[in-house]
Every structure is written in C-alpha cells, then in structure tokens.
C-alpha cells in the first residue's frame, strides 16, 4: 500500500482531475460551503446576542444590587408586585449595612405624558438624588433632581433624550412643562442617552422626586406606607457585592419578621450576567451543532460523489496499476481529491460566513462577531471531514484489481 510517487506529483494529478470536472467539483463542495458558512454565521450571531445582553446589563451600573419585592415563586407565576418592600427598608439599608455606598429607592408607573398637543405613554419613575450616581446616568442639559426638590416635593422632572425629542420636537425641553397624568411638571434636565435594557428603552423614561411621586401620582398605601417597586443598591466596590447581598438579606429578614421563605429577593448584576451567559452560551452551542449537521451532510455528499467517481474511473485506475502505480498511490490521489474539495469548500464557506456576520453587525443592533479560533477550527474541521469521508472511496479505488478493471476497456 506504500506510495512511491512524489507527493507533489500526486497532488498535481488530483488537481488536474478536479479541474477537468469543474461543475461536479463545485457541486460537491457546495455542502461544505453551506456547512462552514452556517457554523460561522450562527456562532457569530450567538456571540452577538451574548455581547448585546452583557452590554445592556453594564448600563445598569457598576457594583449594583437590586432588591425586589416578592419571592421567586410569585415572580415566576407573574403575580403583580407584592407590597413587601417599603421606603423604610431602603432607609434602613442605607443606615445599617456597612458594605453599601449608596441606596436609590424607586417607584415606577406607566403614565400618559403630554406636552402641547403631543401625548405619549412613558415609564415615570419616582427616585431620589442618589439614583444618578448609583445607576451611572449622565446629564446632557440642565440639572438632576436635588435634595431640595425632595424636601419640597417639587413638581419637576428629568427626562430621557428620546422622550425629549418626542414631546418637544425641534426645541429645547429644559424649562418647558410636561403634564404627567393631570399634573404639570417642569422639565429641569435631559439625560444623556443610556440605551435599552432587555428591550426597555431607558431613554424614553421620565424621573420625578420620590416625594412628588407619592404625593401627586402614586399615593401612600394606608397599610404598607410608601411601597417601592425596587431598590438599587451600590456596593462600596466589586469585592463587596457578595457581603452587601448577605447583609441586606439578613437585615430585611429581621425587619419583615421572616422565619421561612423570603418575601423579597436580592439580585446582583453578576447573577444576571451568569444567567445570560448560560442561556446565550447554550444557544450558541445549539446553533453551532445545527451548522455542524450541515458540515456532516456535506461530507456525506463528498463521499457519494467520490464513490461515483471511482466507478467512472475504473479504467483509469486499472491502467495506472498496470503501468506500475501502487495501491498507495491511488489511495493518496483520492484522499487528496477529497481533502482539496473539503478544504476549498471550507475556505469559501468561511469567507461567506465572515461576510454574513459582518453584514449582520452592520445593519442590525446585534454586535455579531467571530473569533479567529472559531474560524481556524471550522476550516480544520471541514478538512478533517474531507479526509474522513474520503477514506471509503479511496480504499475502494486502491483495492481494485487491475486485471478486472482493464477488462472494461
């Protein structure tokens, strides 16, 4: 089975054979082209989804914990926010938890806002001055809500840039009046663009002093007091988030007299990142597996075409063996043909996949990307598939009896 022909000559013969049958070679490569392009495109899109989710989570602020009312069961069942988190809880966290730097309680309502003849529905948030540094928002124009605004329950509001463009097109929003429900609020500032988090555009929100929210919009519950939708908590540094979550949990369990299941939950940005990474990683793996099936189908196509080629070239194989070619020479030639088909198809498919990923990143908000390691792995895999599926036809060609083969001449 050993080969005595130089490798260069064997490769040249294989390439000449493939060039002589260009259409068949192109159709044989098509499965590998589609498989490689599918793997690279799907992996790139999956990574883009992960990058998008992580980028949105980073907009929530650094070292931030979120305390939300209700336990996991009530939230999974879609039950409305239970009134288990109140303003006094936020004040206690700020005063008694040493690993906490700032606390920003928040009440959120969906309200109709009006300015002139324009109206829209926006998320109106009752917040405190600590909201700005905790959530790392920046001011574009005007000023943010101050402690004096809180004490006076002032009818002032700070709005996102998209809401400003929508309600005050072609003019400055600062100093204008925005009616929330039926109450007039003076716009004192416009925020810098922040982007969306899980599909919710933060740039269309309005922010009012928490005291004004309670006195003029949401009201005070006679039983629970000032109920909150959630509390944003900034830990002193990244290493303190775990300690802060533990201390907040213990404090609220004591305040709520909890003996068994909590009526609140503490979530960190890292928890959300872990969940998102797990989901998007699994999605990317699944998409890659779907693309790998296309590669497998392409490999089977190569094997089938090469088997047909062996049958058609029986006379050629018999003549070569009669002239002194060894079985190893024939085996190597057919393996090289399979490898060239798969590798060239893999290279074309890779180029198509990279182009598709770049196009997705260009025309959609999804930051699709593909790493060099994935590209090299995919090209190597396509070449390996060519070798693997080329073995059967190559062995069949190498095993032909030259006498039997020459009888068909």
Foldseek 3Di string as FASTA:
>chain_A
DDFDDDPVVLLVVLVVVCVVVVVLLVVLLVLLLQLLLLLLQLLLLLVLLLVVQLLLLCLQAPQKKKKAFADPVCVVVVHPGDQLAFPVLQVCLVVPQVQFDDKKFKAWDWWWKAFDPDIDIAIEMAIAPRSCNLSVWAFPDFDDDHPVCQVVLAQAKEAAPVLCCRRPPPDGQAQGWMATHNRTHGYGTYIDARADHPPRGRRGYMYGHNNNCQVPPDHADPPNGGGTRMMMTHGPHPVCSVVSQVVSVVVSCVVSVPDDDDRMHMGTSVNVSVVSCVVSVVSSVVSSVVSVVSLLVSLLSLLVVLLVVLVVCLLVLLVVVVVPGALNSLLSSLLSSLLVSQLVSLVSSLVSNQVSQVVCCVPDVRNRDGDPVSSVVSSVVSSVSSNVSSNVSSNVSSPDDSVVSNVVD
